Amino acid sequence: MALVVGLTGGIGSGKSFVARLFAACGVSVIDADYIAHTLTAKDGAALDAIIACFGASYLIAPGILDRAKLRQRVFSDAGALADLEAITHPLIRDALAKQTLSVAAAPYVIHMIPLLVESGQWRKRVDRVLVVDCPPETQIVRVMRRSQLSRDDVLAIMARQVTRAARLAVADDVIDNYGELEMTVDDQVRVLHQRYLYLAGSPAVGP
């Protein structure tokens, strides 16, 4: 079985950018958010259970989820969020496991899981936790620019995530994505790539 590295970080930290750099090294990256989107897409595997839980008013057309309405609901209702996660998380975990088996011959695989630290279920399913880190203010600026959200909207999203300190406390490895280190993000990924190959028992060769 491949070594599993859980890639995480707060919103706007640069997880997707780092994931692309690992992919450029030839590493398989499995994105939990993409799986979740697929599960809740038109006629997705989670859709019937979601509508049974939340009601048909959360459909904008037959088989099509009103994502904006559901997002607003779970952001403002912790119970609703727990209900949604109870439906989607087991399906996401199953999909991650199946995709990981498909690349079992690889030395290691990246699981990109935004809420890895928030959910204790995810932490025990990875061998190492890699956190992409940057200051909260940097997160806010990036997300406002990228998603055209207000500062208050971004702060509300961040409030649902663990603190920067809590995330760093469980990290086995950290990538600095705000320029405090002399090494670029690309350099840091290359160093970690060699480390993970070594930990997986593979010759430390590669890009």
Protein backbone atom coordinates (compact mmCIF):
# COMPACT_ATOMS: atom_id res chain seq x y z
CA MET A 1 0.00 0.00 0.00
CA ALA A 2 1.27 3.46 -0.88
CA LEU A 3 2.28 5.95 1.81
CA VAL A 4 -0.65 8.38 2.20
CA VAL A 5 0.08 12.07 2.73
CA GLY A 6 -2.86 14.23 3.77
CA LEU A 7 -2.53 17.68 2.22
CA THR A 8 -4.52 20.37 4.00
CA GLY A 9 -4.62 24.07 4.85
CA GLY A 10 -7.05 26.89 5.44
CA ILE A 11 -9.08 28.44 2.66
CA GLY A 12 -6.83 30.54 0.43
CA SER A 13 -3.64 28.93 1.72
CA GLY A 14 -2.69 27.53 -1.70
CA LYS A 15 -3.50 23.82 -1.39
CA SER A 16 -4.46 23.44 -5.04
CA PHE A 17 -1.26 25.17 -6.18
CA VAL A 18 0.85 22.84 -4.04
CA ALA A 19 -1.13 19.82 -5.27
CA ARG A 20 -0.36 20.77 -8.87
CA LEU A 21 3.36 20.93 -8.04
CA PHE A 22 3.26 17.43 -6.56
CA ALA A 23 1.37 16.22 -9.63
CA ALA A 24 4.13 17.71 -11.78
CA CYS A 25 6.55 15.42 -9.87
CA GLY A 26 4.45 12.46 -11.05
CA VAL A 27 2.57 11.98 -7.78
CA SER A 28 -1.09 10.91 -7.80
CA VAL A 29 -3.23 13.56 -6.10
CA ILE A 30 -6.74 12.59 -4.99
CA ASP A 31 -8.95 15.59 -4.25
CA ALA A 32 -11.65 15.06 -1.62
CA ASP A 33 -13.44 18.26 -2.67
CA TYR A 34 -13.65 17.04 -6.27
CA ILE A 35 -15.07 13.73 -5.07
CA ALA A 36 -17.63 15.59 -2.92
CA HIS A 37 -18.63 17.70 -5.92
CA THR A 38 -19.10 14.57 -8.03
CA LEU A 39 -21.21 12.92 -5.33
CA THR A 40 -23.53 15.93 -5.25
CA ALA A 41 -23.58 16.62 -8.99
CA LYS A 42 -26.58 15.81 -11.19
CA ASP A 43 -27.90 12.41 -10.04
CA GLY A 44 -24.78 11.98 -7.86
CA ALA A 45 -24.53 9.12 -5.37
CA ALA A 46 -25.22 11.37 -2.37
CA LEU A 47 -28.08 13.35 -3.88
CA ASP A 48 -31.03 11.16 -2.87
CA ALA A 49 -29.89 11.00 0.77
CA ILE A 50 -29.32 14.77 0.86
CA ILE A 51 -32.79 15.51 -0.47
CA ALA A 52 -34.33 12.96 1.91
CA CYS A 53 -32.64 14.82 4.76
CA PHE A 54 -33.11 18.44 3.69
CA GLY A 55 -36.15 18.32 1.42
CA ALA A 56 -37.00 18.80 -2.25
CA SER A 57 -36.75 22.57 -1.87
CA TYR A 58 -32.98 22.07 -2.13
CA LEU A 59 -33.33 21.05 -5.77
CA ILE A 60 -33.27 23.69 -8.51
CA ALA A 61 -34.37 21.10 -11.09
CA PRO A 62 -34.89 17.32 -11.05
CA GLY A 63 -31.61 15.70 -10.03
CA ILE A 64 -29.79 19.04 -9.60
CA LEU A 65 -28.83 20.29 -6.14
CA ASP A 66 -29.18 23.95 -5.19
CA ARG A 67 -25.62 24.22 -3.92
CA ALA A 68 -25.86 27.87 -2.93
CA LYS A 69 -28.93 27.27 -0.78
CA LEU A 70 -27.43 24.22 0.89
CA ARG A 71 -24.13 26.04 1.49
CA GLN A 72 -25.96 28.90 3.15
CA ARG A 73 -27.86 26.46 5.35
CA VAL A 74 -24.85 24.51 6.59
CA PHE A 75 -22.80 27.66 7.19
CA SER A 76 -25.47 28.94 9.56
CA ASP A 77 -26.59 25.65 11.14
CA ALA A 78 -24.06 23.33 12.80
CA GLY A 79 -26.65 20.55 13.01
CA ALA A 80 -27.31 20.74 9.28
CA LEU A 81 -23.57 20.61 8.61
CA ALA A 82 -23.28 17.49 10.77
CA ASP A 83 -26.17 15.89 8.86
CA LEU A 84 -24.55 16.69 5.51
CA GLU A 85 -21.18 15.34 6.62
CA ALA A 86 -22.81 12.15 7.91
CA ILE A 87 -24.10 11.57 4.39
CA THR A 88 -21.09 12.62 2.33
CA HIS A 89 -18.04 11.73 4.42
CA PRO A 90 -18.47 7.93 4.32
CA LEU A 91 -18.92 8.11 0.54
CA ILE A 92 -15.87 10.34 0.17
CA ARG A 93 -13.78 8.01 2.32
CA ASP A 94 -14.85 5.01 0.24
CA ALA A 95 -13.98 6.82 -2.99
CA LEU A 96 -10.59 7.89 -1.61
CA ALA A 97 -9.84 4.31 -0.58
CA LYS A 98 -10.79 2.91 -3.99
CA GLN A 99 -8.73 5.50 -5.86
CA THR A 100 -5.77 4.88 -3.55
CA LEU A 101 -5.95 1.15 -4.27
CA SER A 102 -5.80 1.94 -7.97
CA VAL A 103 -2.35 3.51 -7.46
CA ALA A 104 -1.19 1.09 -4.75
CA ALA A 105 2.02 0.37 -6.64
CA ALA A 106 3.11 4.02 -6.37
CA PRO A 107 5.50 4.93 -3.53
CA TYR A 108 3.11 7.51 -2.12
CA VAL A 109 -0.13 9.32 -2.86
CA ILE A 110 -1.49 12.73 -1.87
CA HIS A 111 -4.98 13.04 -0.39
CA MET A 112 -6.02 16.69 -0.61
CA ILE A 113 -8.52 17.12 2.26
CA PRO A 114 -9.42 20.72 3.22
CA LEU A 115 -11.08 19.71 6.52
CA LEU A 116 -8.60 17.02 7.49
CA VAL A 117 -7.85 18.57 10.89
CA GLU A 118 -11.48 19.50 11.61
CA SER A 119 -12.59 15.90 11.26
CA GLY A 120 -10.89 13.31 13.43
CA GLN A 121 -12.04 10.66 10.96
CA TRP A 122 -9.63 11.89 8.31
CA ARG A 123 -6.52 12.21 10.48
CA LYS A 124 -6.32 8.50 11.27
CA ARG A 125 -6.60 7.61 7.58
CA VAL A 126 -3.35 9.27 6.48
CA ASP A 127 0.26 8.49 7.36
CA ARG A 128 1.46 12.09 7.40
CA VAL A 129 -0.19 15.50 7.53
CA LEU A 130 1.20 18.19 5.23
CA VAL A 131 -0.08 21.70 6.00
CA VAL A 132 0.12 24.57 3.52
CA ASP A 133 0.51 27.64 5.71
CA CYS A 134 0.09 31.38 5.37
CA PRO A 135 -1.12 34.19 7.67
CA PRO A 136 -4.90 34.71 8.00
CA GLU A 137 -4.73 38.13 6.37
CA THR A 138 -3.10 36.58 3.31
CA GLN A 139 -5.92 34.02 3.16
CA ILE A 140 -8.53 36.78 3.30
CA VAL A 141 -6.96 38.83 0.52
CA ARG A 142 -6.51 35.81 -1.75
CA VAL A 143 -10.06 34.52 -1.33
CA MET A 144 -11.61 37.97 -1.78
CA ARG A 145 -9.66 38.40 -5.02
CA ARG A 146 -10.31 34.86 -6.27
CA SER A 147 -13.96 34.40 -5.36
CA GLN A 148 -15.25 37.97 -5.27
CA LEU A 149 -16.46 37.47 -1.71
CA SER A 150 -16.69 40.19 0.91
CA ARG A 151 -14.28 40.26 3.82
CA ASP A 152 -17.11 39.27 6.18
CA ASP A 153 -17.99 36.30 3.97
CA VAL A 154 -14.41 35.07 4.03
CA LEU A 155 -14.17 35.55 7.78
CA ALA A 156 -17.36 33.51 8.21
CA ILE A 157 -15.85 30.64 6.23
CA MET A 158 -12.61 30.81 8.18
CA ALA A 159 -14.54 30.77 11.47
CA ARG A 160 -15.83 27.29 10.54
CA GLN A 161 -12.27 26.03 10.14
CA VAL A 162 -9.73 25.32 12.86
CA THR A 163 -7.22 28.01 13.75
CA ARG A 164 -3.86 28.30 12.10
CA ALA A 165 -2.20 27.24 15.37
CA ALA A 166 -4.38 24.14 15.68
CA ARG A 167 -3.58 23.13 12.11
CA LEU A 168 0.16 23.58 12.59
CA ALA A 169 0.03 21.63 15.86
CA VAL A 170 -0.86 18.40 14.04
CA ALA A 171 1.38 18.93 11.01
CA ASP A 172 4.16 16.49 10.25
CA ASP A 173 5.36 18.75 7.46
CA VAL A 174 4.66 22.39 6.56
CA ILE A 175 4.92 24.32 3.31
CA ASP A 176 5.38 28.06 3.75
CA ASN A 177 3.28 29.73 1.04
CA TYR A 178 3.84 33.36 1.98
CA GLY A 179 7.53 33.88 1.35
CA GLU A 180 8.94 33.78 4.86
CA LEU A 181 11.46 31.11 3.90
CA GLU A 182 14.14 31.64 1.29
CA MET A 183 13.02 28.50 -0.53
CA THR A 184 10.22 28.87 -3.07
CA VAL A 185 7.11 26.72 -2.79
CA ASP A 186 8.37 24.70 -5.76
CA ASP A 187 11.66 24.06 -3.94
CA GLN A 188 9.82 22.99 -0.78
CA VAL A 189 7.67 20.55 -2.74
CA ARG A 190 10.72 19.01 -4.38
CA VAL A 191 12.41 18.51 -1.00
CA LEU A 192 9.28 16.91 0.45
CA HIS A 193 8.88 14.74 -2.64
CA GLN A 194 12.31 13.24 -1.98
CA ARG A 195 11.51 12.83 1.73
CA TYR A 196 8.28 10.99 0.98
CA LEU A 197 10.01 8.71 -1.51
CA TYR A 198 12.54 7.87 1.19
CA LEU A 199 9.85 7.25 3.82
CA ALA A 200 8.01 5.03 1.37
CA GLY A 201 11.15 2.97 0.85
CA SER A 202 11.66 4.16 -2.71
CA PRO A 203 14.96 5.42 -4.08
CA ALA A 204 15.14 9.17 -3.48
CA VAL A 205 15.29 10.11 -7.12
CA GLY A 206 12.97 12.29 -9.13
CA PRO A 207 12.43 15.82 -10.31
